[in-house]
Amino acid sequence: MAAETKKEIELDIGHVLFIDIVGYSKLLINEQSAQIQKLKEIVRGLFHYHLLAILLAQTRAPFAWVED
């Protein structure tokens, strides 16, 4: 009989920002990319983004767009 092993599962809460850019799907591919780039620049300019990036870097937690 195989010995049973109990695995502890640690769950984390993640937050995802879903966006809806009006008319996005009707844009050409390069226009879609330009809109996403513009949104990234806006988000990167926010104080909270930089604060969170610093805090997560200290804990070595993954963070989207930090190294982009």
C-alpha atoms as a PDB file:
ATOM      1  CA  MET A   1       0.000   0.000   0.000  1.00  0.00           C
ATOM      2  CA  ALA A   2       1.441   3.355  -1.018  1.00  0.00           C
ATOM      3  CA  ALA A   3       1.907   5.930   1.693  1.00  0.00           C
ATOM      4  CA  GLU A   4      -0.496   8.825   1.401  1.00  0.00           C
ATOM      5  CA  THR A   5       0.976  12.272   1.104  1.00  0.00           C
ATOM      6  CA  LYS A   6      -0.954  15.344   2.013  1.00  0.00           C
ATOM      7  CA  LYS A   7      -0.170  18.372  -0.120  1.00  0.00           C
ATOM      8  CA  GLU A   8      -0.858  21.804   1.206  1.00  0.00           C
ATOM      9  CA  ILE A   9      -2.287  24.072  -1.440  1.00  0.00           C
ATOM     10  CA  GLU A  10      -1.640  27.748  -0.989  1.00  0.00           C
ATOM     11  CA  LEU A  11      -4.051  29.980  -2.816  1.00  0.00           C
ATOM     12  CA  ASP A  12      -3.293  33.550  -3.813  1.00  0.00           C
ATOM     13  CA  ILE A  13      -5.686  36.240  -4.859  1.00  0.00           C
ATOM     14  CA  GLY A  14      -4.897  37.884  -8.171  1.00  0.00           C
ATOM     15  CA  HIS A  15      -6.363  40.997  -9.661  1.00  0.00           C
ATOM     16  CA  VAL A  16      -6.787  41.401 -13.377  1.00  0.00           C
ATOM     17  CA  LEU A  17      -7.787  44.545 -15.160  1.00  0.00           C
ATOM     18  CA  PHE A  18     -10.097  43.864 -18.066  1.00  0.00           C
ATOM     19  CA  ILE A  19     -10.453  46.716 -20.470  1.00  0.00           C
ATOM     20  CA  ASP A  20     -12.814  47.541 -23.230  1.00  0.00           C
ATOM     21  CA  ILE A  21     -11.488  50.005 -25.744  1.00  0.00           C
ATOM     22  CA  VAL A  22     -14.473  51.162 -27.747  1.00  0.00           C
ATOM     23  CA  GLY A  23     -14.135  50.012 -31.331  1.00  0.00           C
ATOM     24  CA  TYR A  24     -10.934  48.052 -30.595  1.00  0.00           C
ATOM     25  CA  SER A  25     -11.923  45.016 -32.642  1.00  0.00           C
ATOM     26  CA  LYS A  26     -12.647  47.211 -35.659  1.00  0.00           C
ATOM     27  CA  LEU A  27      -9.129  48.694 -35.645  1.00  0.00           C
ATOM     28  CA  LEU A  28      -6.338  47.414 -37.841  1.00  0.00           C
ATOM     29  CA  ILE A  29      -3.752  45.241 -36.077  1.00  0.00           C
ATOM     30  CA  ASN A  30      -1.153  48.017 -35.917  1.00  0.00           C
ATOM     31  CA  GLU A  31      -3.812  50.428 -34.577  1.00  0.00           C
ATOM     32  CA  GLN A  32      -4.754  47.887 -31.896  1.00  0.00           C
ATOM     33  CA  SER A  33      -1.102  47.617 -30.873  1.00  0.00           C
ATOM     34  CA  ALA A  34      -0.841  51.410 -30.697  1.00  0.00           C
ATOM     35  CA  GLN A  35      -3.899  51.595 -28.431  1.00  0.00           C
ATOM     36  CA  ILE A  36      -2.500  48.929 -26.087  1.00  0.00           C
ATOM     37  CA  GLN A  37       0.848  50.749 -25.983  1.00  0.00           C
ATOM     38  CA  LYS A  38      -0.928  54.000 -25.126  1.00  0.00           C
ATOM     39  CA  LEU A  39      -2.820  52.256 -22.301  1.00  0.00           C
ATOM     40  CA  LYS A  40       0.420  50.742 -20.943  1.00  0.00           C
ATOM     41  CA  GLU A  41       2.027  54.193 -20.895  1.00  0.00           C
ATOM     42  CA  ILE A  42      -0.929  55.617 -18.974  1.00  0.00           C
ATOM     43  CA  VAL A  43      -0.846  52.800 -16.421  1.00  0.00           C
ATOM     44  CA  ARG A  44       2.941  53.024 -16.023  1.00  0.00           C
ATOM     45  CA  GLY A  45       2.560  56.710 -15.263  1.00  0.00           C
ATOM     46  CA  LEU A  46       0.373  56.058 -12.249  1.00  0.00           C
ATOM     47  CA  PHE A  47       1.912  56.342  -8.780  1.00  0.00           C
ATOM     48  CA  HIS A  48       0.207  53.158  -7.570  1.00  0.00           C
ATOM     49  CA  TYR A  49       1.741  51.160 -10.409  1.00  0.00           C
ATOM     50  CA  HIS A  50       5.250  52.165  -9.389  1.00  0.00           C
ATOM     51  CA  LEU A  51       4.560  51.608  -5.692  1.00  0.00           C
ATOM     52  CA  LEU A  52       3.207  48.125  -6.379  1.00  0.00           C
ATOM     53  CA  ALA A  53       6.117  47.296  -8.680  1.00  0.00           C
ATOM     54  CA  ILE A  54       8.591  48.257  -5.932  1.00  0.00           C
ATOM     55  CA  LEU A  55       6.751  46.252  -3.284  1.00  0.00           C
ATOM     56  CA  LEU A  56       6.487  43.186  -5.491  1.00  0.00           C
ATOM     57  CA  ALA A  57      10.138  43.442  -6.519  1.00  0.00           C
ATOM     58  CA  GLN A  58      11.062  43.259  -2.832  1.00  0.00           C
ATOM     59  CA  THR A  59       9.029  40.067  -2.449  1.00  0.00           C
ATOM     60  CA  ARG A  60      10.149  38.731  -5.847  1.00  0.00           C
ATOM     61  CA  ALA A  61       6.510  38.269  -6.856  1.00  0.00           C
ATOM     62  CA  PRO A  62       5.703  38.340 -10.576  1.00  0.00           C
ATOM     63  CA  PHE A  63       4.211  41.525 -11.945  1.00  0.00           C
ATOM     64  CA  ALA A  64       2.983  42.097 -15.484  1.00  0.00           C
ATOM     65  CA  TRP A  65       4.562  44.869 -17.577  1.00  0.00           C
ATOM     66  CA  VAL A  66       7.342  45.676 -15.107  1.00  0.00           C
ATOM     67  CA  GLU A  67      10.059  44.308 -17.336  1.00  0.00           C
ATOM     68  CA  ASP A  68       8.389  45.147 -20.637  1.00  0.00           C
END
